[in-house]
Amino acid sequence: MSVSPSRTGFLDLNSGASENTARQGDGTWAQVMYGPNGEETSSMTRDAAACGQ
């Protein structure tokens, strides 16, 4: 999967990091990526949801 750095916003305050990253309970940041239609494509986020976290 190819993701533009400007779309991920990961640790980049100039590209909406507050909207594109999720703060986890342990204080780390989970990267959340969105496809062209705004759907969530982060496997980390899907796995967390599947585990009920």
PDB file of N, CA and C in Angstrom:
ATOM      1  N   MET A   1       0.846  -1.197   0.000  1.00  0.00           N
ATOM      2  CA  MET A   1       0.000   0.000   0.000  1.00  0.00           C
ATOM      3  C   MET A   1       0.875   1.239   0.000  1.00  0.00           C
ATOM      4  N   SER A   2       0.562   2.150  -0.862  1.00  0.00           N
ATOM      5  CA  SER A   2       1.313   3.396  -0.923  1.00  0.00           C
ATOM      6  C   SER A   2       0.500   4.508  -0.288  1.00  0.00           C
ATOM      7  N   VAL A   3       1.084   5.162   0.708  1.00  0.00           N
ATOM      8  CA  VAL A   3       0.381   6.229   1.404  1.00  0.00           C
ATOM      9  C   VAL A   3       1.231   7.484   1.387  1.00  0.00           C
ATOM     10  N   SER A   4       0.654   8.569   0.955  1.00  0.00           N
ATOM     11  CA  SER A   4       1.371   9.836   0.924  1.00  0.00           C
ATOM     12  C   SER A   4       1.585  10.342   2.343  1.00  0.00           C
ATOM     13  N   PRO A   5       2.793  10.777   2.676  1.00  0.00           N
ATOM     14  CA  PRO A   5       3.051  11.313   4.020  1.00  0.00           C
ATOM     15  C   PRO A   5       2.101  12.450   4.385  1.00  0.00           C
ATOM     16  N   SER A   6       1.662  13.193   3.384  1.00  0.00           N
ATOM     17  CA  SER A   6       0.761  14.310   3.663  1.00  0.00           C
ATOM     18  C   SER A   6      -0.629  13.828   4.045  1.00  0.00           C
ATOM     19  N   ARG A   7      -0.941  12.564   3.747  1.00  0.00           N
ATOM     20  CA  ARG A   7      -2.253  12.024   4.090  1.00  0.00           C
ATOM     21  C   ARG A   7      -2.264  11.345   5.457  1.00  0.00           C
ATOM     22  N   THR A   8      -1.110  10.829   5.879  1.00  0.00           N
ATOM     23  CA  THR A   8      -1.089  10.104   7.141  1.00  0.00           C
ATOM     24  C   THR A   8      -1.138  11.045   8.331  1.00  0.00           C
ATOM     25  N   GLY A   9      -0.445  12.165   8.234  1.00  0.00           N
ATOM     26  CA  GLY A   9      -0.412  13.105   9.343  1.00  0.00           C
ATOM     27  C   GLY A   9       0.357  12.573  10.539  1.00  0.00           C
ATOM     28  N   PHE A  10       1.109  11.501  10.348  1.00  0.00           N
ATOM     29  CA  PHE A  10       1.799  10.864  11.459  1.00  0.00           C
ATOM     30  C   PHE A  10       2.967  11.718  11.938  1.00  0.00           C
ATOM     31  N   LEU A  11       2.860  12.234  13.165  1.00  0.00           N
ATOM     32  CA  LEU A  11       3.878  13.093  13.759  1.00  0.00           C
ATOM     33  C   LEU A  11       4.179  14.301  12.883  1.00  0.00           C
ATOM     34  N   ASP A  12       3.190  14.773  12.156  1.00  0.00           N
ATOM     35  CA  ASP A  12       3.366  15.939  11.287  1.00  0.00           C
ATOM     36  C   ASP A  12       2.236  16.907  11.591  1.00  0.00           C
ATOM     37  N   LEU A  13       2.522  17.913  12.409  1.00  0.00           N
ATOM     38  CA  LEU A  13       1.483  18.837  12.854  1.00  0.00           C
ATOM     39  C   LEU A  13       0.931  19.681  11.715  1.00  0.00           C
ATOM     40  N   ASN A  14       1.643  19.694  10.587  1.00  0.00           N
ATOM     41  CA  ASN A  14       1.191  20.507   9.465  1.00  0.00           C
ATOM     42  C   ASN A  14       0.204  19.782   8.565  1.00  0.00           C
ATOM     43  N   SER A  15      -0.070  18.515   8.868  1.00  0.00           N
ATOM     44  CA  SER A  15      -0.998  17.783   8.012  1.00  0.00           C
ATOM     45  C   SER A  15      -2.132  17.160   8.815  1.00  0.00           C
ATOM     46  N   GLY A  16      -2.505  17.811   9.903  1.00  0.00           N
ATOM     47  CA  GLY A  16      -3.669  17.355  10.647  1.00  0.00           C
ATOM     48  C   GLY A  16      -3.426  16.144  11.511  1.00  0.00           C
ATOM     49  N   ALA A  17      -2.304  16.108  12.215  1.00  0.00           N
ATOM     50  CA  ALA A  17      -1.985  14.937  13.027  1.00  0.00           C
ATOM     51  C   ALA A  17      -3.067  14.650  14.068  1.00  0.00           C
ATOM     52  N   SER A  18      -3.688  15.704  14.568  1.00  0.00           N
ATOM     53  CA  SER A  18      -4.699  15.507  15.606  1.00  0.00           C
ATOM     54  C   SER A  18      -5.910  14.741  15.078  1.00  0.00           C
ATOM     55  N   GLU A  19      -6.120  14.811  13.760  1.00  0.00           N
ATOM     56  CA  GLU A  19      -7.258  14.115  13.165  1.00  0.00           C
ATOM     57  C   GLU A  19      -6.873  12.720  12.699  1.00  0.00           C
ATOM     58  N   ASN A  20      -5.585  12.507  12.426  1.00  0.00           N
ATOM     59  CA  ASN A  20      -5.164  11.288  11.757  1.00  0.00           C
ATOM     60  C   ASN A  20      -4.368  10.333  12.632  1.00  0.00           C
ATOM     61  N   THR A  21      -4.191  10.689  13.904  1.00  0.00           N
ATOM     62  CA  THR A  21      -3.555   9.759  14.825  1.00  0.00           C
ATOM     63  C   THR A  21      -4.462   9.561  16.026  1.00  0.00           C
ATOM     64  N   ALA A  22      -4.323   8.438  16.683  1.00  0.00           N
ATOM     65  CA  ALA A  22      -5.171   8.143  17.836  1.00  0.00           C
ATOM     66  C   ALA A  22      -4.290   7.861  19.045  1.00  0.00           C
ATOM     67  N   ARG A  23      -4.570   8.523  20.146  1.00  0.00           N
ATOM     68  CA  ARG A  23      -3.783   8.318  21.358  1.00  0.00           C
ATOM     69  C   ARG A  23      -4.283   7.061  22.054  1.00  0.00           C
ATOM     70  N   GLN A  24      -3.370   6.134  22.280  1.00  0.00           N
ATOM     71  CA  GLN A  24      -3.738   4.896  22.954  1.00  0.00           C
ATOM     72  C   GLN A  24      -3.609   5.058  24.462  1.00  0.00           C
ATOM     73  N   GLY A  25      -4.228   4.144  25.194  1.00  0.00           N
ATOM     74  CA  GLY A  25      -4.256   4.233  26.640  1.00  0.00           C
ATOM     75  C   GLY A  25      -2.885   4.183  27.295  1.00  0.00           C
ATOM     76  N   ASP A  26      -1.917   3.572  26.621  1.00  0.00           N
ATOM     77  CA  ASP A  26      -0.581   3.473  27.219  1.00  0.00           C
ATOM     78  C   ASP A  26       0.275   4.686  26.884  1.00  0.00           C
ATOM     79  N   GLY A  27      -0.319   5.674  26.215  1.00  0.00           N
ATOM     80  CA  GLY A  27       0.391   6.909  25.929  1.00  0.00           C
ATOM     81  C   GLY A  27       1.126   6.917  24.609  1.00  0.00           C
ATOM     82  N   THR A  28       1.038   5.819  23.848  1.00  0.00           N
ATOM     83  CA  THR A  28       1.676   5.801  22.542  1.00  0.00           C
ATOM     84  C   THR A  28       0.676   6.241  21.480  1.00  0.00           C
ATOM     85  N   TRP A  29       1.180   6.501  20.298  1.00  0.00           N
ATOM     86  CA  TRP A  29       0.308   6.973  19.220  1.00  0.00           C
ATOM     87  C   TRP A  29       0.126   5.876  18.185  1.00  0.00           C
ATOM     88  N   ALA A  30      -1.120   5.647  17.810  1.00  0.00           N
ATOM     89  CA  ALA A  30      -1.422   4.681  16.755  1.00  0.00           C
ATOM     90  C   ALA A  30      -1.670   5.450  15.469  1.00  0.00           C
ATOM     91  N   GLN A  31      -1.020   5.044  14.397  1.00  0.00           N
ATOM     92  CA  GLN A  31      -1.203   5.718  13.121  1.00  0.00           C
ATOM     93  C   GLN A  31      -2.502   5.255  12.474  1.00  0.00           C
ATOM     94  N   VAL A  32      -3.305   6.212  12.042  1.00  0.00           N
ATOM     95  CA  VAL A  32      -4.564   5.898  11.384  1.00  0.00           C
ATOM     96  C   VAL A  32      -4.524   6.475   9.978  1.00  0.00           C
ATOM     97  N   MET A  33      -4.752   5.619   8.989  1.00  0.00           N
ATOM     98  CA  MET A  33      -4.698   6.068   7.602  1.00  0.00           C
ATOM     99  C   MET A  33      -6.080   5.964   6.969  1.00  0.00           C
ATOM    100  N   TYR A  34      -6.367   6.902   6.097  1.00  0.00           N
ATOM    101  CA  TYR A  34      -7.665   6.915   5.441  1.00  0.00           C
ATOM    102  C   TYR A  34      -7.496   6.792   3.934  1.00  0.00           C
ATOM    103  N   GLY A  35      -8.364   6.005   3.320  1.00  0.00           N
ATOM    104  CA  GLY A  35      -8.350   5.842   1.876  1.00  0.00           C
ATOM    105  C   GLY A  35      -9.026   7.012   1.180  1.00  0.00           C
ATOM    106  N   PRO A  36      -9.143   6.942  -0.147  1.00  0.00           N
ATOM    107  CA  PRO A  36      -9.719   8.032  -0.941  1.00  0.00           C
ATOM    108  C   PRO A  36     -11.137   8.403  -0.514  1.00  0.00           C
ATOM    109  N   ASN A  37     -11.875   7.435   0.024  1.00  0.00           N
ATOM    110  CA  ASN A  37     -13.261   7.701   0.404  1.00  0.00           C
ATOM    111  C   ASN A  37     -13.407   7.955   1.896  1.00  0.00           C
ATOM    112  N   GLY A  38     -12.280   8.058   2.590  1.00  0.00           N
ATOM    113  CA  GLY A  38     -12.317   8.353   4.010  1.00  0.00           C
ATOM    114  C   GLY A  38     -12.506   7.129   4.888  1.00  0.00           C
ATOM    115  N   GLU A  39     -12.453   5.945   4.299  1.00  0.00           N
ATOM    116  CA  GLU A  39     -12.622   4.742   5.112  1.00  0.00           C
ATOM    117  C   GLU A  39     -11.343   4.483   5.899  1.00  0.00           C
ATOM    118  N   GLU A  40     -11.493   3.862   7.013  1.00  0.00           N
ATOM    119  CA  GLU A  40     -10.334   3.582   7.846  1.00  0.00           C
ATOM    120  C   GLU A  40      -9.611   2.365   7.297  1.00  0.00           C
ATOM    121  N   THR A  41      -8.305   2.482   7.092  1.00  0.00           N
ATOM    122  CA  THR A  41      -7.550   1.387   6.496  1.00  0.00           C
ATOM    123  C   THR A  41      -6.420   0.915   7.395  1.00  0.00           C
ATOM    124  N   SER A  42      -6.394   1.376   8.633  1.00  0.00           N
ATOM    125  CA  SER A  42      -5.308   0.996   9.527  1.00  0.00           C
ATOM    126  C   SER A  42      -5.542  -0.402  10.077  1.00  0.00           C
ATOM    127  N   SER A  43      -4.632  -1.323   9.780  1.00  0.00           N
ATOM    128  CA  SER A  43      -4.768  -2.683  10.298  1.00  0.00           C
ATOM    129  C   SER A  43      -4.641  -2.673  11.819  1.00  0.00           C
ATOM    130  N   MET A  44      -3.839  -1.741  12.352  1.00  0.00           N
ATOM    131  CA  MET A  44      -3.685  -1.646  13.803  1.00  0.00           C
ATOM    132  C   MET A  44      -5.020  -1.307  14.446  1.00  0.00           C
ATOM    133  N   THR A  45      -5.733  -0.381  13.843  1.00  0.00           N
ATOM    134  CA  THR A  45      -7.018   0.037  14.392  1.00  0.00           C
ATOM    135  C   THR A  45      -8.046  -1.085  14.262  1.00  0.00           C
ATOM    136  N   ARG A  46      -8.035  -1.780  13.119  1.00  0.00           N
ATOM    137  CA  ARG A  46      -8.960  -2.895  12.936  1.00  0.00           C
ATOM    138  C   ARG A  46      -8.692  -3.981  13.969  1.00  0.00           C
ATOM    139  N   ASP A  47      -7.413  -4.278  14.201  1.00  0.00           N
ATOM    140  CA  ASP A  47      -7.061  -5.314  15.165  1.00  0.00           C
ATOM    141  C   ASP A  47      -7.507  -4.926  16.565  1.00  0.00           C
ATOM    142  N   ALA A  48      -7.335  -3.658  16.915  1.00  0.00           N
ATOM    143  CA  ALA A  48      -7.732  -3.191  18.238  1.00  0.00           C
ATOM    144  C   ALA A  48      -9.245  -3.317  18.413  1.00  0.00           C
ATOM    145  N   ALA A  49      -9.985  -2.983  17.356  1.00  0.00           N
ATOM    146  CA  ALA A  49     -11.442  -3.078  17.425  1.00  0.00           C
ATOM    147  C   ALA A  49     -11.870  -4.541  17.557  1.00  0.00           C
ATOM    148  N   ALA A  50     -11.176  -5.424  16.849  1.00  0.00           N
ATOM    149  CA  ALA A  50     -11.511  -6.839  16.892  1.00  0.00           C
ATOM    150  C   ALA A  50     -11.235  -7.431  18.275  1.00  0.00           C
ATOM    151  N   CYS A  51     -10.253  -6.862  18.962  1.00  0.00           N
ATOM    152  CA  CYS A  51      -9.909  -7.340  20.301  1.00  0.00           C
ATOM    153  C   CYS A  51     -10.744  -6.666  21.375  1.00  0.00           C
ATOM    154  N   GLY A  52     -11.589  -5.740  20.977  1.00  0.00           N
ATOM    155  CA  GLY A  52     -12.453  -5.070  21.931  1.00  0.00           C
ATOM    156  C   GLY A  52     -11.732  -4.036  22.779  1.00  0.00           C
ATOM    157  N   GLN A  53     -10.622  -3.540  22.290  1.00  0.00           N
ATOM    158  CA  GLN A  53      -9.841  -2.558  23.056  1.00  0.00           C
ATOM    159  C   GLN A  53     -10.332  -1.146  22.791  1.00  0.00           C
TER     160      GLN A  53
END
